[in-house]
Protein backbone atom coordinates (compact mmCIF):
# COMPACT_ATOMS: atom_id res chain seq x y z
CA MET A 1 -2.44 -12.05 12.50
CA GLU A 2 0.19 -12.57 9.80
CA TYR A 3 -0.08 -13.31 6.09
CA THR A 4 2.51 -14.20 3.53
CA VAL A 5 2.38 -13.94 -0.22
CA HIS A 6 5.44 -14.65 -2.31
CA VAL A 7 5.68 -11.98 -4.97
CA ARG A 8 8.40 -11.19 -7.45
CA MET A 9 10.05 -7.89 -6.61
CA ASN A 10 11.97 -5.47 -8.82
CA GLU A 11 15.68 -6.31 -8.55
CA HIS A 12 16.54 -2.60 -8.41
CA LEU A 13 14.93 -2.42 -4.98
CA PHE A 14 17.67 -4.42 -3.29
CA LEU A 15 21.33 -5.35 -3.54
CA ARG A 16 20.58 -8.94 -2.59
CA ASP A 17 17.13 -10.51 -2.67
CA PRO A 18 16.03 -10.56 0.99
CA GLU A 19 13.79 -13.57 0.35
CA SER A 20 16.85 -15.61 -0.60
CA SER A 21 18.06 -16.06 2.99
CA GLU A 22 16.85 -16.27 6.56
CA LEU A 23 18.69 -13.06 7.45
CA GLY A 24 17.09 -11.23 4.53
CA ARG A 25 13.64 -12.34 5.60
CA LYS A 26 14.34 -11.14 9.14
CA ILE A 27 15.46 -7.76 7.80
CA VAL A 28 12.16 -7.31 5.98
CA ARG A 29 9.90 -8.56 8.75
CA GLN A 30 11.72 -6.86 11.61
CA GLY A 31 12.10 -3.77 9.43
CA ILE A 32 8.30 -3.61 9.32
CA ALA A 33 8.17 -3.90 13.10
CA LEU A 34 10.83 -1.20 13.55
CA PHE A 35 9.25 1.27 11.12
CA GLY A 36 5.90 0.55 12.72
CA GLU A 37 7.14 1.25 16.25
CA LEU A 38 9.56 4.14 15.66
CA GLY A 39 8.54 5.61 12.32
CA PHE A 40 10.75 6.06 9.27
CA GLU A 41 12.65 9.08 10.62
CA ASP A 42 13.78 7.48 13.88
CA ALA A 43 14.46 4.00 12.51
CA THR A 44 18.08 3.19 11.64
CA PHE A 45 19.91 0.18 10.31
CA ARG A 46 21.89 0.11 13.55
CA LYS A 47 18.67 -0.28 15.54
CA LEU A 48 17.44 -2.89 13.07
CA ALA A 49 20.70 -4.81 13.37
CA ASP A 50 20.46 -4.79 17.18
CA ARG A 51 16.88 -6.00 16.91
CA ILE A 52 17.72 -9.05 14.83
CA GLY A 53 21.12 -9.78 16.36
CA THR A 54 23.37 -9.05 13.41
CA LYS A 55 25.89 -6.44 12.29
CA GLU A 56 24.76 -3.22 10.66
CA ALA A 57 27.02 -3.98 7.69
CA SER A 58 25.04 -7.17 7.04
CA ILE A 59 21.89 -5.16 6.38
CA TYR A 60 23.72 -2.95 3.90
CA ARG A 61 24.46 -6.07 1.85
CA TYR A 62 20.71 -6.28 1.17
CA PHE A 63 19.59 -2.63 1.01
CA GLU A 64 21.74 0.39 0.23
CA ASN A 65 19.86 2.59 2.75
CA LYS A 66 16.69 2.70 4.82
CA HIS A 67 14.80 4.62 2.13
CA ARG A 68 15.34 1.71 -0.25
CA LEU A 69 14.01 -0.63 2.41
CA LEU A 70 10.95 1.59 2.78
CA VAL A 71 10.36 1.59 -0.98
CA TYR A 72 10.70 -2.21 -0.97
CA LEU A 73 8.12 -2.59 1.81
CA VAL A 74 5.67 -0.19 0.16
CA ALA A 75 6.12 -1.88 -3.23
CA TRP A 76 5.53 -5.28 -1.60
CA TYR A 77 2.30 -3.96 -0.14
CA TRP A 78 1.07 -2.66 -3.52
CA ARG A 79 1.88 -6.01 -5.12
CA TRP A 80 -0.05 -7.78 -2.37
CA ALA A 81 -2.98 -5.39 -2.79
CA GLU A 82 -3.07 -5.97 -6.55
CA TYR A 83 -3.00 -9.73 -5.99
CA GLN A 84 -5.87 -9.40 -3.53
CA LEU A 85 -7.85 -7.24 -5.95
CA ILE A 86 -7.53 -9.90 -8.63
CA PHE A 87 -8.30 -12.69 -6.15
CA GLN A 88 -11.36 -10.99 -4.68
CA THR A 89 -12.95 -9.81 -7.95
CA ASN A 90 -12.07 -12.68 -10.27
CA ASN A 91 -15.50 -14.32 -10.10
CA LEU A 92 -17.55 -11.13 -9.83
CA LYS A 93 -19.50 -9.86 -12.83
CA ASP A 94 -21.01 -6.64 -11.46
CA PRO A 95 -18.46 -3.77 -11.64
CA HIS A 96 -20.30 -1.98 -8.82
CA GLU A 97 -19.64 -4.95 -6.55
CA LYS A 98 -16.02 -5.01 -7.70
CA LEU A 99 -15.64 -1.35 -6.75
CA GLU A 100 -17.10 -2.08 -3.32
CA ARG A 101 -14.38 -4.70 -2.88
CA VAL A 102 -11.80 -2.13 -3.96
CA LEU A 103 -12.89 0.34 -1.29
CA ARG A 104 -12.89 -2.28 1.45
CA LEU A 105 -9.46 -3.49 0.35
CA LEU A 106 -8.03 0.03 0.55
CA LEU A 107 -9.12 0.18 4.19
CA LEU A 108 -7.96 -3.37 4.82
CA LYS A 109 -11.41 -4.39 6.03
CA ASP A 110 -11.54 -7.86 4.47
CA LEU A 111 -8.51 -9.75 5.75
CA SER A 112 -10.73 -12.82 6.00
CA HIS A 113 -10.39 -13.11 2.22
CA ALA A 114 -6.58 -13.14 2.37
CA PRO A 115 -4.53 -16.36 2.28
CA GLU A 116 -3.45 -17.05 5.86
CA SER A 117 0.12 -17.93 6.65
CA ASN A 118 0.63 -21.27 8.36
CA GLY A 119 3.52 -19.98 10.46
CA ALA A 120 5.17 -16.93 11.97
CA ASP A 121 7.31 -16.37 8.89
CA GLY A 122 4.75 -14.16 7.15
CA ILE A 123 4.43 -10.43 6.75
CA ASP A 124 2.57 -8.57 9.49
CA LEU A 125 0.02 -7.11 7.13
CA LYS A 126 -1.75 -4.82 9.58
CA MET A 127 1.53 -3.28 10.67
CA LEU A 128 2.63 -2.89 7.05
CA HIS A 129 -0.69 -1.24 6.21
CA SER A 130 -0.14 1.28 9.02
CA ILE A 131 3.33 2.00 7.62
CA VAL A 132 1.88 2.55 4.15
CA ILE A 133 -0.64 5.00 5.62
CA ARG A 134 2.06 7.03 7.39
CA GLU A 135 5.10 6.62 5.19
CA ALA A 136 4.17 5.60 1.62
CA SER A 137 4.35 9.11 0.16
CA LYS A 138 7.97 9.34 1.36
CA ALA A 139 8.80 6.59 -1.12
CA TYR A 140 8.30 8.94 -4.07
CA LEU A 141 8.37 12.49 -2.66
CA THR A 142 12.11 12.70 -3.22
CA HIS A 143 14.53 14.61 -5.42
CA HIS A 144 15.49 11.38 -7.21
CA VAL A 145 11.92 10.28 -7.99
CA THR A 146 12.49 10.51 -11.76
CA GLU A 147 15.41 8.11 -11.65
CA ASP A 148 13.54 5.78 -9.31
CA ASN A 149 10.61 5.85 -11.70
CA ARG A 150 12.92 5.04 -14.62
CA GLN A 151 13.93 1.92 -12.72
CA GLN A 152 10.22 1.11 -12.36
CA LEU A 153 10.30 1.12 -8.57
CA PHE A 154 6.72 2.42 -8.47
CA LYS A 155 5.30 -0.02 -11.00
CA PRO A 156 3.38 -2.01 -8.33
CA TYR A 157 1.53 1.16 -7.34
CA LYS A 158 0.83 2.02 -10.97
CA ASP A 159 -0.37 -1.52 -11.68
CA LEU A 160 -2.79 -1.41 -8.76
CA CYS A 161 -4.19 1.97 -9.82
CA GLY A 162 -4.42 0.70 -13.39
CA ARG A 163 -6.55 -2.25 -12.31
CA ILE A 164 -8.81 -0.01 -10.27
CA ALA A 165 -9.14 2.32 -13.26
CA ASP A 166 -10.15 -0.62 -15.46
CA ILE A 167 -12.96 -1.49 -13.05
CA ILE A 168 -14.06 2.14 -12.98
CA LEU A 169 -14.32 2.00 -16.76
CA GLU A 170 -16.36 -1.18 -16.51
CA GLN A 171 -18.80 0.76 -14.36
CA GLN A 172 -18.74 3.92 -16.49
CA PRO A 173 -17.03 3.42 -19.88
CA ASP A 174 -17.23 7.12 -20.80
CA TYR A 175 -15.61 8.41 -17.63
CA PRO A 176 -12.49 10.33 -18.80
CA PHE A 177 -10.54 10.46 -15.53
CA ALA A 178 -10.37 6.82 -14.46
CA ARG A 179 -6.68 6.75 -13.51
CA SER A 180 -6.91 10.05 -11.67
CA LEU A 181 -9.91 8.81 -9.72
CA ALA A 182 -8.19 5.50 -8.97
CA SER A 183 -5.07 7.11 -7.51
CA THR A 184 -7.21 9.67 -5.66
CA LEU A 185 -9.16 6.87 -3.99
CA VAL A 186 -5.98 5.16 -2.83
CA GLU A 187 -4.43 8.35 -1.49
CA MET A 188 -7.69 9.57 0.04
CA ALA A 189 -8.17 6.29 1.90
CA HIS A 190 -4.74 6.61 3.44
CA TYR A 191 -4.63 10.35 4.10
CA GLN A 192 -8.08 10.43 5.67
CA THR A 193 -7.16 7.46 7.87
CA PHE A 194 -4.02 9.31 8.97
CA PHE A 195 -5.94 12.53 9.59
CA MET A 196 -8.62 10.66 11.53
CA GLN A 197 -5.94 9.18 13.79
CA HIS A 198 -3.65 12.19 14.19
CA LEU A 199 -5.17 15.39 12.76
CA PRO A 200 -8.90 14.91 13.35
CA SER A 201 -9.87 18.53 12.61
CA LEU A 202 -9.09 17.78 8.95
CA THR A 203 -11.82 15.15 8.79
CA ASP A 204 -15.47 14.62 9.68
CA PHE A 205 -14.63 11.34 11.42
CA LYS A 206 -12.86 12.66 14.52
CA ALA A 207 -15.61 11.79 16.99
CA ALA A 208 -16.23 8.21 15.97
CA GLN A 209 -12.69 7.15 15.01
CA ASN A 210 -14.57 4.72 12.81
CA ASP A 211 -13.42 3.69 9.36
CA ASP A 212 -16.99 2.66 8.50
CA GLN A 213 -17.71 6.38 8.12
CA LEU A 214 -14.59 6.74 6.02
CA LEU A 215 -15.81 3.89 3.84
CA ASP A 216 -19.10 5.75 3.34
CA PHE A 217 -17.16 8.87 2.33
CA LEU A 218 -15.08 6.93 -0.20
CA ARG A 219 -18.27 5.39 -1.59
CA HIS A 220 -19.76 8.83 -2.05
CA LEU A 221 -16.59 10.19 -3.64
CA LEU A 222 -16.39 7.30 -6.08
CA PHE A 223 -19.98 6.73 -7.14
CA ALA A 224 -21.00 10.39 -7.11
CA SER A 225 -18.10 11.09 -9.47
CA LEU A 226 -19.27 8.38 -11.83
CA GLU A 227 -22.92 9.46 -11.74
CA LYS A 228 -22.40 13.15 -12.49
CA PRO A 229 -22.03 14.15 -16.15
CA VAL A 230 -18.56 15.43 -16.97
CA LEU A 231 -18.68 18.98 -18.32
CA GLU A 232 -17.21 19.42 -21.78
CA GLN A 233 -14.16 21.63 -21.98
CA ALA A 234 -14.83 25.01 -23.49
C-alpha cells in the first residue's frame, strides 16, 4: 500500500527539487525500490537509470551522489513521521496515550491512521521504513557529518525527537534526559527490528519474529525510565 505526503525538503539535499518533475519523482520512488531490493552498498545510479529508462547523467542533475539520495529519503521519512505524530496526537490529552502512539508509530503499526494516496504516485512507505531500519545510520555516520549538520540535513530527525521529548516531559516534567530518551527510543526501535530480522541472538525476540514483543520492550524501556527516580549527581 502506498501513501503520499507533500513535505517541504531542505534545498541542500538536492541539486534540483525531485518533486518538480515527473523524472524527479521517479528517481525518488524507484530509488526507494532499488535501495529496498539491493541495499545501499549495491545500488548505483546506473542501475537506477536503467530501472526508470533514463540516462545516468539525468539522475546526477537531481542528486550529486547516492548518499545524498539516501539522506533525502531518510529525511523525507522523518518529516512524514513528525507529521504523523502531530496528526495522531493532536486531539489527545493524556500524555501516556500520546507516548503509546509514539511507540506504535516507530514500529509503523498504525498505517490505518495515515492519509492514503489515491494513486500509484505515492511513496511506498513500508519499503521506505525498511530502508530507514537498515540504512538510516549511514546518513550521518560519515566523515562529513559536521558539514551536513551545518546545512541542517538532519533537522527532520531532530524535530521528530524534539516532539517526542516534549511529550515525555508532559508525562514526567522533571525527567532530565528527555531528548536522550527520545532518540534512544527511535534508534532502539530500528536496531532491535534489524537484529530480530538478521541477528536474532542480539534480541529476545528471535523465536517469535513478532514486533508485538518489541513494542512491549519499548514500553518497558520508556515507562520504567520515567517511573524510576533519577539519582542526583554526586
